[in-house]
Amino acid sequence: MIELFKSGGPVMYPILLCSVLFVAILIERVFHLHRAQINTNEFVAGIRNILKKRNIAEAVSICEETPGPVAHVIKTGIMKHDRPKSEIREAIDDAALHEVPRLEKNLVVLATIAHISPLLGLFGTVLGMIQVFNKIQELHGRTVPGELAGGIGQALLTTAAGLAVAIPVFVAYNYLVSRVGALVWDMERSATEVVDLLTETEREYEV
């Protein structure tokens, strides 16, 4: 395997670096998004029951103990429970704007790897073919298959390596983007429910 890697030439090293970065980012993102995922319906239902009892401190405490962006965004809204609806909504939107970049962290790196890996493979292919043509020139057109095998092998190996990295990275990127989209949708839906609940509760309390 090491010999095969070396046969691909110097371009194999940046391709290897791309694969290492991909694995590291994928593990970190999957772990982070797994921790951020909660049962939103159950969580919001619990918060709703507590808020109906006017127990603001307990609701805030539960949000602090619950991991993930949904709980943090809802906590921000609850802290503004005595403010007008527009102000509560604005505070929640600001909190969500800070949470989304955390969810999308390093996704742009994965997208870059997915794009440059096949290009690196193509670059290695070009270098391999240049090597082949240089060898043909040295032999004055009298081609010997064994003499050309190194350049052709390098061209094929780098192309294969670039695609072998790019394909799983592209799949992982789309998977992570879909997970982030689901979490953002949960945040928006939960925030809307809590804003409505807080304003209704405040009106009932005033009456």
C-alpha atoms as a PDB file:
ATOM      1  CA  MET A   1       0.000   0.000   0.000  1.00  0.00           C
ATOM      2  CA  ILE A   2       2.865   2.369   0.840  1.00  0.00           C
ATOM      3  CA  GLU A   3       4.557   1.575  -2.458  1.00  0.00           C
ATOM      4  CA  LEU A   4       1.313   2.224  -4.297  1.00  0.00           C
ATOM      5  CA  PHE A   5       0.996   5.553  -2.508  1.00  0.00           C
ATOM      6  CA  LYS A   6       4.540   6.535  -3.461  1.00  0.00           C
ATOM      7  CA  SER A   7       3.854   5.571  -7.079  1.00  0.00           C
ATOM      8  CA  GLY A   8       1.257   8.327  -7.229  1.00  0.00           C
ATOM      9  CA  GLY A   9       3.910  11.006  -6.913  1.00  0.00           C
ATOM     10  CA  PRO A  10       4.007  14.181  -4.783  1.00  0.00           C
ATOM     11  CA  VAL A  11       0.354  15.086  -5.396  1.00  0.00           C
ATOM     12  CA  MET A  12      -0.674  12.124  -3.239  1.00  0.00           C
ATOM     13  CA  TYR A  13       0.483  13.983  -0.121  1.00  0.00           C
ATOM     14  CA  PRO A  14      -1.998  16.890  -0.349  1.00  0.00           C
ATOM     15  CA  ILE A  15      -4.707  14.358  -1.222  1.00  0.00           C
ATOM     16  CA  LEU A  16      -3.768  12.415   1.916  1.00  0.00           C
ATOM     17  CA  LEU A  17      -3.922  15.639   3.933  1.00  0.00           C
ATOM     18  CA  CYS A  18      -7.429  16.282   2.568  1.00  0.00           C
ATOM     19  CA  SER A  19      -8.535  12.819   3.668  1.00  0.00           C
ATOM     20  CA  VAL A  20      -7.129  13.297   7.181  1.00  0.00           C
ATOM     21  CA  LEU A  21      -8.860  16.687   7.515  1.00  0.00           C
ATOM     22  CA  PHE A  22     -12.097  15.143   6.275  1.00  0.00           C
ATOM     23  CA  VAL A  23     -12.058  12.356   8.877  1.00  0.00           C
ATOM     24  CA  ALA A  24     -11.207  14.761  11.722  1.00  0.00           C
ATOM     25  CA  ILE A  25     -13.918  17.269  10.782  1.00  0.00           C
ATOM     26  CA  LEU A  26     -16.524  14.554  10.202  1.00  0.00           C
ATOM     27  CA  ILE A  27     -15.961  13.010  13.638  1.00  0.00           C
ATOM     28  CA  GLU A  28     -16.080  16.403  15.362  1.00  0.00           C
ATOM     29  CA  ARG A  29     -19.206  17.554  13.506  1.00  0.00           C
ATOM     30  CA  VAL A  30     -21.139  14.310  13.992  1.00  0.00           C
ATOM     31  CA  PHE A  31     -20.358  14.387  17.717  1.00  0.00           C
ATOM     32  CA  HIS A  32     -21.306  18.066  18.016  1.00  0.00           C
ATOM     33  CA  LEU A  33     -24.567  17.717  16.091  1.00  0.00           C
ATOM     34  CA  HIS A  34     -25.473  14.580  18.045  1.00  0.00           C
ATOM     35  CA  ARG A  35     -25.134  16.524  21.304  1.00  0.00           C
ATOM     36  CA  ALA A  36     -27.132  19.407  19.845  1.00  0.00           C
ATOM     37  CA  GLN A  37     -30.052  17.152  18.855  1.00  0.00           C
ATOM     38  CA  ILE A  38     -32.840  16.835  21.414  1.00  0.00           C
ATOM     39  CA  ASN A  39     -36.470  15.757  21.424  1.00  0.00           C
ATOM     40  CA  THR A  40     -37.801  19.223  20.639  1.00  0.00           C
ATOM     41  CA  ASN A  41     -41.492  18.382  21.022  1.00  0.00           C
ATOM     42  CA  GLU A  42     -40.963  16.881  24.471  1.00  0.00           C
ATOM     43  CA  PHE A  43     -38.703  19.725  25.555  1.00  0.00           C
ATOM     44  CA  VAL A  44     -41.088  22.483  24.426  1.00  0.00           C
ATOM     45  CA  ALA A  45     -44.048  20.670  26.015  1.00  0.00           C
ATOM     46  CA  GLY A  46     -42.195  20.591  29.341  1.00  0.00           C
ATOM     47  CA  ILE A  47     -41.310  24.273  29.088  1.00  0.00           C
ATOM     48  CA  ARG A  48     -44.928  25.087  28.214  1.00  0.00           C
ATOM     49  CA  ASN A  49     -46.235  23.366  31.362  1.00  0.00           C
ATOM     50  CA  ILE A  50     -43.707  25.173  33.546  1.00  0.00           C
ATOM     51  CA  LEU A  51     -44.413  28.587  32.021  1.00  0.00           C
ATOM     52  CA  LYS A  52     -48.141  28.126  32.504  1.00  0.00           C
ATOM     53  CA  LYS A  53     -47.361  27.872  36.239  1.00  0.00           C
ATOM     54  CA  ARG A  54     -45.427  31.157  35.967  1.00  0.00           C
ATOM     55  CA  ASN A  55     -42.261  29.389  37.142  1.00  0.00           C
ATOM     56  CA  ILE A  56     -39.756  31.376  35.078  1.00  0.00           C
ATOM     57  CA  ALA A  57     -36.717  30.386  37.168  1.00  0.00           C
ATOM     58  CA  GLU A  58     -37.372  26.672  36.714  1.00  0.00           C
ATOM     59  CA  ALA A  59     -37.861  27.095  32.966  1.00  0.00           C
ATOM     60  CA  VAL A  60     -34.543  28.949  32.686  1.00  0.00           C
ATOM     61  CA  SER A  61     -32.831  26.271  34.792  1.00  0.00           C
ATOM     62  CA  ILE A  62     -34.106  23.473  32.531  1.00  0.00           C
ATOM     63  CA  CYS A  63     -32.879  25.350  29.452  1.00  0.00           C
ATOM     64  CA  GLU A  64     -29.431  25.740  31.014  1.00  0.00           C
ATOM     65  CA  GLU A  65     -29.261  22.022  31.807  1.00  0.00           C
ATOM     66  CA  THR A  66     -30.354  21.014  28.305  1.00  0.00           C
ATOM     67  CA  PRO A  67     -27.606  20.955  25.644  1.00  0.00           C
ATOM     68  CA  GLY A  68     -28.052  22.281  22.145  1.00  0.00           C
ATOM     69  CA  PRO A  69     -29.052  25.472  20.330  1.00  0.00           C
ATOM     70  CA  VAL A  70     -32.810  24.992  20.740  1.00  0.00           C
ATOM     71  CA  ALA A  71     -32.591  25.222  24.531  1.00  0.00           C
ATOM     72  CA  HIS A  72     -30.256  28.210  24.365  1.00  0.00           C
ATOM     73  CA  VAL A  73     -32.541  30.117  22.000  1.00  0.00           C
ATOM     74  CA  ILE A  74     -35.628  29.374  24.086  1.00  0.00           C
ATOM     75  CA  LYS A  75     -33.805  30.444  27.248  1.00  0.00           C
ATOM     76  CA  THR A  76     -33.062  33.806  25.604  1.00  0.00           C
ATOM     77  CA  GLY A  77     -36.765  34.282  24.907  1.00  0.00           C
ATOM     78  CA  ILE A  78     -37.795  33.302  28.423  1.00  0.00           C
ATOM     79  CA  MET A  79     -35.364  35.812  29.913  1.00  0.00           C
ATOM     80  CA  LYS A  80     -37.329  38.503  28.044  1.00  0.00           C
ATOM     81  CA  HIS A  81     -40.722  37.179  29.164  1.00  0.00           C
ATOM     82  CA  ASP A  82     -41.846  40.543  30.545  1.00  0.00           C
ATOM     83  CA  ARG A  83     -41.027  42.442  27.337  1.00  0.00           C
ATOM     84  CA  PRO A  84     -43.254  43.100  24.278  1.00  0.00           C
ATOM     85  CA  LYS A  85     -43.626  40.337  21.710  1.00  0.00           C
ATOM     86  CA  SER A  86     -41.476  42.160  19.150  1.00  0.00           C
ATOM     87  CA  GLU A  87     -38.619  42.492  21.640  1.00  0.00           C
ATOM     88  CA  ILE A  88     -38.820  38.813  22.610  1.00  0.00           C
ATOM     89  CA  ARG A  89     -38.761  37.833  18.936  1.00  0.00           C
ATOM     90  CA  GLU A  90     -35.794  40.086  18.254  1.00  0.00           C
ATOM     91  CA  ALA A  91     -33.815  38.613  21.159  1.00  0.00           C
ATOM     92  CA  ILE A  92     -34.541  35.091  19.945  1.00  0.00           C
ATOM     93  CA  ASP A  93     -33.529  35.943  16.392  1.00  0.00           C
ATOM     94  CA  ASP A  94     -30.244  37.412  17.637  1.00  0.00           C
ATOM     95  CA  ALA A  95     -29.542  34.274  19.664  1.00  0.00           C
ATOM     96  CA  ALA A  96     -30.299  32.079  16.654  1.00  0.00           C
ATOM     97  CA  LEU A  97     -27.900  34.113  14.511  1.00  0.00           C
ATOM     98  CA  HIS A  98     -25.123  33.235  16.961  1.00  0.00           C
ATOM     99  CA  GLU A  99     -26.062  29.550  17.083  1.00  0.00           C
ATOM    100  CA  VAL A 100     -26.217  28.877  13.330  1.00  0.00           C
ATOM    101  CA  PRO A 101     -22.495  29.576  12.676  1.00  0.00           C
ATOM    102  CA  ARG A 102     -21.622  27.088  15.431  1.00  0.00           C
ATOM    103  CA  LEU A 103     -23.714  24.445  13.721  1.00  0.00           C
ATOM    104  CA  GLU A 104     -22.141  25.222  10.337  1.00  0.00           C
ATOM    105  CA  LYS A 105     -18.569  25.302  11.672  1.00  0.00           C
ATOM    106  CA  ASN A 106     -16.035  23.710   9.263  1.00  0.00           C
ATOM    107  CA  LEU A 107     -18.698  22.788   6.697  1.00  0.00           C
ATOM    108  CA  VAL A 108     -17.066  25.214   4.271  1.00  0.00           C
ATOM    109  CA  VAL A 109     -13.811  23.278   4.750  1.00  0.00           C
ATOM    110  CA  LEU A 110     -15.572  20.042   3.769  1.00  0.00           C
ATOM    111  CA  ALA A 111     -17.038  21.735   0.706  1.00  0.00           C
ATOM    112  CA  THR A 112     -13.570  22.956  -0.256  1.00  0.00           C
ATOM    113  CA  ILE A 113     -12.085  19.467   0.152  1.00  0.00           C
ATOM    114  CA  ALA A 114     -14.857  17.989  -1.990  1.00  0.00           C
ATOM    115  CA  HIS A 115     -14.015  20.457  -4.758  1.00  0.00           C
ATOM    116  CA  ILE A 116     -10.220  20.440  -4.669  1.00  0.00           C
ATOM    117  CA  SER A 117      -9.628  16.683  -4.210  1.00  0.00           C
ATOM    118  CA  PRO A 118     -10.590  15.742  -7.793  1.00  0.00           C
ATOM    119  CA  LEU A 119      -8.701  18.796  -9.027  1.00  0.00           C
ATOM    120  CA  LEU A 120      -5.596  17.582  -7.203  1.00  0.00           C
ATOM    121  CA  GLY A 121      -6.139  14.199  -8.821  1.00  0.00           C
ATOM    122  CA  LEU A 122      -6.381  15.874 -12.217  1.00  0.00           C
ATOM    123  CA  PHE A 123      -3.209  17.821 -11.485  1.00  0.00           C
ATOM    124  CA  GLY A 124      -1.434  14.557 -10.680  1.00  0.00           C
ATOM    125  CA  THR A 125      -2.741  13.109 -13.927  1.00  0.00           C
ATOM    126  CA  VAL A 126      -1.276  16.026 -15.879  1.00  0.00           C
ATOM    127  CA  LEU A 127       2.080  15.607 -14.136  1.00  0.00           C
ATOM    128  CA  GLY A 128       2.028  11.898 -14.933  1.00  0.00           C
ATOM    129  CA  MET A 129       1.300  12.515 -18.600  1.00  0.00           C
ATOM    130  CA  ILE A 130       4.074  15.133 -18.751  1.00  0.00           C
ATOM    131  CA  GLN A 131       6.400  12.492 -17.392  1.00  0.00           C
ATOM    132  CA  VAL A 132       5.245  10.076 -20.103  1.00  0.00           C
ATOM    133  CA  PHE A 133       5.815  12.601 -22.898  1.00  0.00           C
ATOM    134  CA  ASN A 134       9.230  13.512 -21.516  1.00  0.00           C
ATOM    135  CA  LYS A 135      10.171   9.839 -21.557  1.00  0.00           C
ATOM    136  CA  ILE A 136       8.939   9.475 -25.139  1.00  0.00           C
ATOM    137  CA  GLN A 137      11.057  12.475 -26.094  1.00  0.00           C
ATOM    138  CA  GLU A 138      14.092  10.943 -24.410  1.00  0.00           C
ATOM    139  CA  LEU A 139      13.558   7.718 -26.358  1.00  0.00           C
ATOM    140  CA  HIS A 140      13.111   9.694 -29.597  1.00  0.00           C
ATOM    141  CA  GLY A 141       9.690   8.210 -30.181  1.00  0.00           C
ATOM    142  CA  ARG A 142      10.777   4.597 -29.703  1.00  0.00           C
ATOM    143  CA  THR A 143       8.235   3.821 -26.961  1.00  0.00           C
ATOM    144  CA  VAL A 144       8.931   1.010 -24.556  1.00  0.00           C
ATOM    145  CA  PRO A 145       5.899   0.092 -22.398  1.00  0.00           C
ATOM    146  CA  GLY A 146       8.000  -0.501 -19.306  1.00  0.00           C
ATOM    147  CA  GLU A 147       9.583   2.937 -19.563  1.00  0.00           C
ATOM    148  CA  LEU A 148       6.189   4.643 -19.727  1.00  0.00           C
ATOM    149  CA  ALA A 149       4.488   2.640 -16.988  1.00  0.00           C
ATOM    150  CA  GLY A 150       5.614   4.972 -14.171  1.00  0.00           C
ATOM    151  CA  GLY A 151       4.045   8.095 -15.635  1.00  0.00           C
ATOM    152  CA  ILE A 152       0.844   6.345 -16.664  1.00  0.00           C
ATOM    153  CA  GLY A 153       0.573   4.711 -13.249  1.00  0.00           C
ATOM    154  CA  GLN A 154       0.999   8.073 -11.526  1.00  0.00           C
ATOM    155  CA  ALA A 155      -1.710   9.605 -13.718  1.00  0.00           C
ATOM    156  CA  LEU A 156      -4.207   6.859 -12.910  1.00  0.00           C
ATOM    157  CA  LEU A 157      -3.410   6.647  -9.189  1.00  0.00           C
ATOM    158  CA  THR A 158      -3.801  10.352  -8.513  1.00  0.00           C
ATOM    159  CA  THR A 159      -7.108  10.484 -10.381  1.00  0.00           C
ATOM    160  CA  ALA A 160      -8.419   7.513  -8.419  1.00  0.00           C
ATOM    161  CA  ALA A 161      -7.154   8.907  -5.111  1.00  0.00           C
ATOM    162  CA  GLY A 162      -8.730  12.323  -5.724  1.00  0.00           C
ATOM    163  CA  LEU A 163     -12.108  10.785  -6.531  1.00  0.00           C
ATOM    164  CA  ALA A 164     -11.848   8.340  -3.602  1.00  0.00           C
ATOM    165  CA  VAL A 165     -11.563  11.314  -1.253  1.00  0.00           C
ATOM    166  CA  ALA A 166     -14.028  13.655  -2.981  1.00  0.00           C
ATOM    167  CA  ILE A 167     -16.968  11.224  -3.194  1.00  0.00           C
ATOM    168  CA  PRO A 168     -17.330  10.423   0.541  1.00  0.00           C
ATOM    169  CA  VAL A 169     -16.597  14.056   1.461  1.00  0.00           C
ATOM    170  CA  PHE A 170     -19.412  15.253  -0.811  1.00  0.00           C
ATOM    171  CA  VAL A 171     -21.819  12.701   0.679  1.00  0.00           C
ATOM    172  CA  ALA A 172     -20.809  13.639   4.251  1.00  0.00           C
ATOM    173  CA  TYR A 173     -21.134  17.353   3.486  1.00  0.00           C
ATOM    174  CA  ASN A 174     -24.696  16.970   2.224  1.00  0.00           C
ATOM    175  CA  TYR A 175     -25.590  14.799   5.213  1.00  0.00           C
ATOM    176  CA  LEU A 176     -24.252  17.374   7.680  1.00  0.00           C
ATOM    177  CA  VAL A 177     -25.981  20.236   5.851  1.00  0.00           C
ATOM    178  CA  SER A 178     -29.285  18.359   6.138  1.00  0.00           C
ATOM    179  CA  ARG A 179     -28.691  17.818   9.881  1.00  0.00           C
ATOM    180  CA  VAL A 180     -27.959  21.521  10.373  1.00  0.00           C
ATOM    181  CA  GLY A 181     -31.062  22.443   8.381  1.00  0.00           C
ATOM    182  CA  ALA A 182     -33.197  20.210  10.599  1.00  0.00           C
ATOM    183  CA  LEU A 183     -31.782  21.810  13.753  1.00  0.00           C
ATOM    184  CA  VAL A 184     -32.357  25.319  12.403  1.00  0.00           C
ATOM    185  CA  TRP A 185     -35.950  24.422  11.563  1.00  0.00           C
ATOM    186  CA  ASP A 186     -36.405  23.052  15.103  1.00  0.00           C
ATOM    187  CA  MET A 187     -35.059  26.326  16.500  1.00  0.00           C
ATOM    188  CA  GLU A 188     -37.438  28.436  14.414  1.00  0.00           C
ATOM    189  CA  ARG A 189     -40.487  26.305  15.181  1.00  0.00           C
ATOM    190  CA  SER A 190     -39.734  26.100  18.897  1.00  0.00           C
ATOM    191  CA  ALA A 191     -38.982  29.808  19.110  1.00  0.00           C
ATOM    192  CA  THR A 192     -42.317  30.681  17.506  1.00  0.00           C
ATOM    193  CA  GLU A 193     -44.189  28.443  19.956  1.00  0.00           C
ATOM    194  CA  VAL A 194     -42.406  29.917  22.963  1.00  0.00           C
ATOM    195  CA  VAL A 195     -42.925  33.524  21.809  1.00  0.00           C
ATOM    196  CA  ASP A 196     -46.660  32.884  21.395  1.00  0.00           C
ATOM    197  CA  LEU A 197     -46.791  31.111  24.751  1.00  0.00           C
ATOM    198  CA  LEU A 198     -44.952  33.889  26.582  1.00  0.00           C
ATOM    199  CA  THR A 199     -47.152  36.640  25.176  1.00  0.00           C
ATOM    200  CA  GLU A 200     -50.343  34.681  25.910  1.00  0.00           C
ATOM    201  CA  THR A 201     -49.162  33.925  29.443  1.00  0.00           C
ATOM    202  CA  GLU A 202     -48.303  37.584  30.058  1.00  0.00           C
ATOM    203  CA  ARG A 203     -51.753  38.669  28.892  1.00  0.00           C
ATOM    204  CA  GLU A 204     -53.432  36.115  31.140  1.00  0.00           C
ATOM    205  CA  TYR A 205     -51.285  37.245  34.053  1.00  0.00           C
ATOM    206  CA  GLU A 206     -52.177  40.891  33.485  1.00  0.00           C
ATOM    207  CA  VAL A 207     -55.871  40.042  33.405  1.00  0.00           C
END
